[in-house]
Amino acid sequence: MRDHFERMPPLPDESCPLSVPLYGADEVCAALEALLEQRVTMGARVREFERDFAEFIGSRHAIMVNSGSSANLLALSVLASRSLSSGLRPGDEVIVPAVTWSTTLAPILQVGCVPVLVDIDEWTLNARIDQVREAISPATRAIFAVHLLGNPADMGLLAELAQERGIWLLEDTCESLGSAIGERRAGSFGDFGTFSFYFSHHITTIEGGMLVTDDDRLADLARSMRAHGWTRDLSNRAELEAANPWIDPRFLFVNVGYNLRPTELQGAFGVVQLRRLDEFNERRRANAGYLIAKLSDLSGELRFVTEQEGARSTWFGFTVVLADAQTRRALSGHLERRGIETRPIVAGNLAVQPAFRDNPHRIVGSLGNATQIAERGLFVGNHPNLSQGHLDHIVEAFRSFFGA
């Protein structure tokens, strides 16, 4: 098996897909070991990954689920649980940036709350703090911050604001695993932080996700609601079973839950991948630094993403913003014809997407930056397996488009 991975040819320099497999023989062998032991549903390997992940992020608890989207759904569902006297209730408002992925907004609607969309900063692509302040109303019960494409948001100010107003704070860190603000990891500031281990993300379990929290009560609820709402993973399991002696404790349900459990194969992948994360992220940062340096003289044509002061991005993609929509479309076609895959800036302005436009929501201001980013922004892949040849091919493609 190891010979197979060693024999795999490298990508040609002229082929730059958005992502490539970042796993190798160690991950596959760990998954095969689980298969051969016939221990494949959530168990010891998942728990090991959760412990390692909590230590890495600096949180008390980590709860693994089957995707980053499920992590967002579970976080909102826990906060909407009737078990929390101060939890979210139907009609409550949750502030969220207009530029993010669909499954940041969808769970807000799925628990009966109202997303309040705010504009983003044109340089960092993260929510504007002044817009978040303006968005707060008597109905506001939570802020759902998003660290977009590896670039961490200003969590110090958002945490102060949430504490000042007595509202919940969540962090969607699905595209920014390992990013930091000062000495703290992104995802560790809020009541919940969520992460994704999708195939193309910073580390992969093929599909998979994680919630982190420092709150014992929230962690208990998340573990229960992750798996049917039963008591098996609760810290007060014995107490609940004693209060319901007529019910078989193996099938005692105390919360309305889901089945969002990961597998042992995913846990095995995660344990190995997490050990490689720092190396992966250093490579992502080096790639981005090289591309910016080589294209800096095109700053009149291209705008690059800016890190907040004291923050450290993990550059999920290499992102640029063009002068207008026509140039963006032309550049995208130019890059694609040269084998360089491109994508819009996440899902663009979600306020105009039919799924959210036609459901309850509130908009703050004009969302002008979100609209411009949707029309004028794109990113190309930035992963640890880009060679020097790939990077130079990307540089040449950009420069040839602008005649530089």
Foldseek 3Di string as FASTA:
>chain_A
DQVVQVPDDADPLLAFAQFDFPDGDQLVVLLVVCVVVVAKFDDDLLVVLFVVLCVVQVFPGKDKFFALLVQLLLLLVLQLFPVDPLGDAAAAEEEEELFDAPSNPVSCVVSRYAYEYAAADLFARWGDPVRVVVRDDPRYAEYETERFQQFDDPLVSVLVVCVVVVHFYEYECQQHAPKDFAPGTPQARTQKYKYGQDRLHLHHLNHMMMIGHRDLVSNQQSVCQCCQQANPPHPCLVVVCVVVVVDDNVDHHDTGHDNGTDISSSSSRSVVRVVCRVVWLVLLVVLLVVLCVLCVVVCVAWRFHDHDVRIGGSRQWGKIFGPWLVLQVVLQVLSVVSNWHKDQRHPQRNCPPVVNVVDHYHYGPDSVSSNRSRRTMMTTHRTNSNDPSNSVSVSVSVCVSVVD
